[in-house]
Amino acid sequence: MEQLVIIAIVGLISLVNWLIKRSAEVREERRLERLRKGIPEGDPYHADETTGEHPTPPSPPIGNPSPDMRRLLEALGLPADGEIPLEPPSQENFPPEPSPPPLPPSPPRRKAPLPRFENPKPAEIAPSKPEVASPLIRTLHSQGGLRQAILLREILGPPKAFTT
């Protein structure tokens, strides 16, 4: 069993060495191909060997625009021939913005005195006579019954979108 493990490890090391040599050969072939084509090393306009990414080329200068582009430039008020100005137009060409009218002064606020609530003494509370009420009224007087009534109104009532 030990011999099999050692053979597998030696095989893996050999495979890794072969892959490293092969990648070095491929890199050398690419370098020779670039030299044969006349592309200097470190040229920013060709693919980078390490990343394989192409840098963005500079934008071409604006020459004669197509008829559609010419119409668009004329509609925007830009010159159709020549370069497009990159600076925004100066504010001197525009009329000054009118200032909004001043707001009328608001009257001073008066602070209303807060109402004072006093708890009545137990002797001042008159005992109420028990009334014979219907079960619906008794249910509505309880907190749970009031919740049920509100829920039923929401469910059975008109939709909120149709109410005014």
Protein backbone atom coordinates (compact mmCIF):
# COMPACT_ATOMS: atom_id res chain seq x y z
CA MET A 1 0.00 0.00 0.00
CA GLU A 2 2.86 2.36 0.81
CA GLN A 3 4.39 1.80 -2.60
CA LEU A 4 1.12 2.81 -4.30
CA VAL A 5 0.95 6.08 -2.32
CA ILE A 6 4.57 6.90 -3.14
CA ILE A 7 3.99 6.20 -6.85
CA ALA A 8 0.89 8.46 -6.82
CA ILE A 9 2.82 11.31 -5.15
CA VAL A 10 5.71 10.98 -7.62
CA GLY A 11 3.20 10.97 -10.50
CA LEU A 12 1.52 14.17 -9.22
CA ILE A 13 4.86 15.93 -8.84
CA SER A 14 5.82 14.92 -12.36
CA LEU A 15 2.48 16.21 -13.72
CA VAL A 16 2.94 19.59 -11.97
CA ASN A 17 6.49 19.91 -13.35
CA TRP A 18 5.27 19.13 -16.86
CA LEU A 19 2.48 21.76 -16.59
CA ILE A 20 4.96 24.42 -15.42
CA LYS A 21 7.31 23.67 -18.33
CA ARG A 22 4.43 23.72 -20.80
CA SER A 23 3.17 27.12 -19.57
CA ALA A 24 6.71 28.53 -19.87
CA GLU A 25 6.89 27.27 -23.47
CA VAL A 26 3.51 28.87 -24.30
CA ARG A 27 4.62 32.19 -22.80
CA GLU A 28 7.83 32.09 -24.82
CA GLU A 29 5.84 31.34 -28.01
CA ARG A 30 3.58 34.36 -27.35
CA ARG A 31 6.59 36.60 -26.78
CA LEU A 32 8.21 35.44 -30.02
CA GLU A 33 4.91 35.96 -31.88
CA ARG A 34 4.70 39.53 -30.59
CA LEU A 35 8.28 40.20 -31.65
CA ARG A 36 7.62 38.69 -35.09
CA LYS A 37 4.57 40.96 -35.55
CA GLY A 38 6.60 43.97 -34.48
CA ILE A 39 4.64 44.67 -31.32
CA PRO A 40 7.00 46.06 -28.67
CA GLU A 41 6.81 44.69 -25.16
CA GLY A 42 4.63 46.70 -22.81
CA ASP A 43 2.54 48.16 -25.69
CA PRO A 44 -0.63 49.56 -24.08
CA TYR A 45 -2.76 49.02 -27.21
CA HIS A 46 -2.45 45.24 -27.24
CA ALA A 47 -3.55 42.55 -24.85
CA ASP A 48 -1.63 42.24 -21.63
CA GLU A 49 0.02 38.83 -21.30
CA THR A 50 -0.65 38.51 -17.58
CA THR A 51 -4.34 39.43 -17.53
CA GLY A 52 -5.36 38.90 -21.16
CA GLU A 53 -7.40 42.11 -21.06
CA HIS A 54 -7.44 44.66 -23.83
CA PRO A 55 -7.17 48.26 -22.65
CA THR A 56 -9.74 50.68 -23.98
CA PRO A 57 -8.43 52.42 -27.07
CA PRO A 58 -8.60 56.21 -27.19
CA SER A 59 -11.79 57.58 -28.70
CA PRO A 60 -11.42 58.53 -32.36
CA PRO A 61 -11.45 62.26 -33.14
CA ILE A 62 -14.71 63.70 -34.37
CA GLY A 63 -14.49 64.10 -38.10
CA ASN A 64 -17.43 64.54 -40.41
CA PRO A 65 -20.47 63.35 -38.49
CA SER A 66 -23.13 61.30 -40.22
CA PRO A 67 -26.27 63.12 -41.43
CA ASP A 68 -28.25 61.85 -38.46
CA MET A 69 -25.59 63.08 -36.05
CA ARG A 70 -25.41 66.41 -37.88
CA ARG A 71 -29.20 66.89 -37.47
CA LEU A 72 -28.94 65.99 -33.78
CA LEU A 73 -26.13 68.50 -33.23
CA GLU A 74 -28.11 71.21 -35.04
CA ALA A 75 -31.19 70.45 -32.94
CA LEU A 76 -29.09 70.79 -29.78
CA GLY A 77 -27.71 74.11 -30.99
CA LEU A 78 -24.16 72.81 -31.31
CA PRO A 79 -21.96 73.39 -34.32
CA ALA A 80 -22.22 70.49 -36.78
CA ASP A 81 -18.66 71.00 -38.03
CA GLY A 82 -15.65 71.16 -35.77
CA GLU A 83 -15.32 70.21 -32.17
CA ILE A 84 -18.13 70.19 -29.65
CA PRO A 85 -17.58 72.72 -26.85
CA LEU A 86 -17.12 70.97 -23.53
CA GLU A 87 -17.82 74.00 -21.33
CA PRO A 88 -21.41 74.81 -20.41
CA PRO A 89 -22.76 78.09 -21.77
CA SER A 90 -22.17 81.07 -19.53
CA GLN A 91 -24.96 82.42 -17.37
CA GLU A 92 -24.73 85.81 -19.07
CA ASN A 93 -26.90 84.58 -21.94
CA PHE A 94 -29.81 83.72 -19.66
CA PRO A 95 -32.13 86.26 -18.00
CA PRO A 96 -31.86 86.45 -14.21
CA GLU A 97 -34.40 84.42 -12.28
CA PRO A 98 -37.05 86.54 -10.58
CA SER A 99 -37.05 86.33 -6.82
CA PRO A 100 -40.22 85.01 -5.18
CA PRO A 101 -42.47 87.56 -3.49
CA PRO A 102 -41.92 87.97 0.25
CA LEU A 103 -44.21 86.08 2.58
CA PRO A 104 -46.64 88.10 4.67
CA PRO A 105 -45.72 88.23 8.35
CA SER A 106 -47.55 85.69 10.45
CA PRO A 107 -49.36 86.81 13.58
CA PRO A 108 -47.69 85.83 16.86
CA ARG A 109 -48.94 82.61 18.36
CA ARG A 110 -50.72 82.67 21.63
CA LYS A 111 -50.26 79.80 23.94
CA ALA A 112 -53.58 78.53 25.15
CA PRO A 113 -53.64 77.41 28.74
CA LEU A 114 -53.76 73.69 29.16
CA PRO A 115 -57.03 72.38 30.54
CA ARG A 116 -56.85 71.03 34.05
CA PHE A 117 -58.61 67.82 34.80
CA GLU A 118 -59.30 66.90 38.34
CA ASN A 119 -60.29 63.49 39.42
CA PRO A 120 -63.67 63.51 41.09
CA LYS A 121 -63.83 62.21 44.59
CA PRO A 122 -65.56 58.87 45.03
CA ALA A 123 -68.35 60.51 47.07
CA GLU A 124 -69.15 62.91 44.17
CA ILE A 125 -69.71 60.10 41.67
CA ALA A 126 -73.35 59.31 41.51
CA PRO A 127 -74.12 55.65 41.27
CA SER A 128 -75.71 54.92 37.92
CA LYS A 129 -78.77 52.84 37.56
CA PRO A 130 -78.22 49.56 35.82
CA GLU A 131 -79.99 49.59 32.49
CA VAL A 132 -81.20 46.59 30.71
CA ALA A 133 -79.26 46.75 27.46
CA SER A 134 -79.37 44.55 24.45
CA PRO A 135 -76.52 42.06 23.99
CA LEU A 136 -75.23 44.11 21.02
CA ILE A 137 -74.85 47.24 23.14
CA ARG A 138 -73.19 45.29 25.92
CA THR A 139 -70.76 43.80 23.38
CA LEU A 140 -69.95 47.22 21.91
CA HIS A 141 -69.23 48.62 25.38
CA SER A 142 -66.51 46.04 25.92
CA GLN A 143 -63.06 46.54 24.42
CA GLY A 144 -63.03 43.21 22.56
CA GLY A 145 -66.48 43.86 21.10
CA LEU A 146 -65.39 47.26 19.79
CA ARG A 147 -62.44 45.60 18.04
CA GLN A 148 -64.75 43.06 16.47
CA ALA A 149 -67.06 45.81 15.22
CA ILE A 150 -64.16 47.67 13.59
CA LEU A 151 -62.93 44.48 11.93
CA LEU A 152 -66.40 43.67 10.62
CA ARG A 153 -66.71 47.21 9.22
CA GLU A 154 -63.37 46.78 7.42
CA ILE A 155 -64.34 43.39 6.00
CA LEU A 156 -67.99 44.00 5.10
CA GLY A 157 -67.87 47.73 4.40
CA PRO A 158 -67.15 49.45 1.09
CA PRO A 159 -63.57 49.36 -0.26
CA LYS A 160 -61.40 52.25 0.84
CA ALA A 161 -60.68 53.14 -2.78
CA PHE A 162 -64.37 53.88 -3.40
CA THR A 163 -64.95 55.99 -0.30
CA THR A 164 -64.58 59.72 -0.53
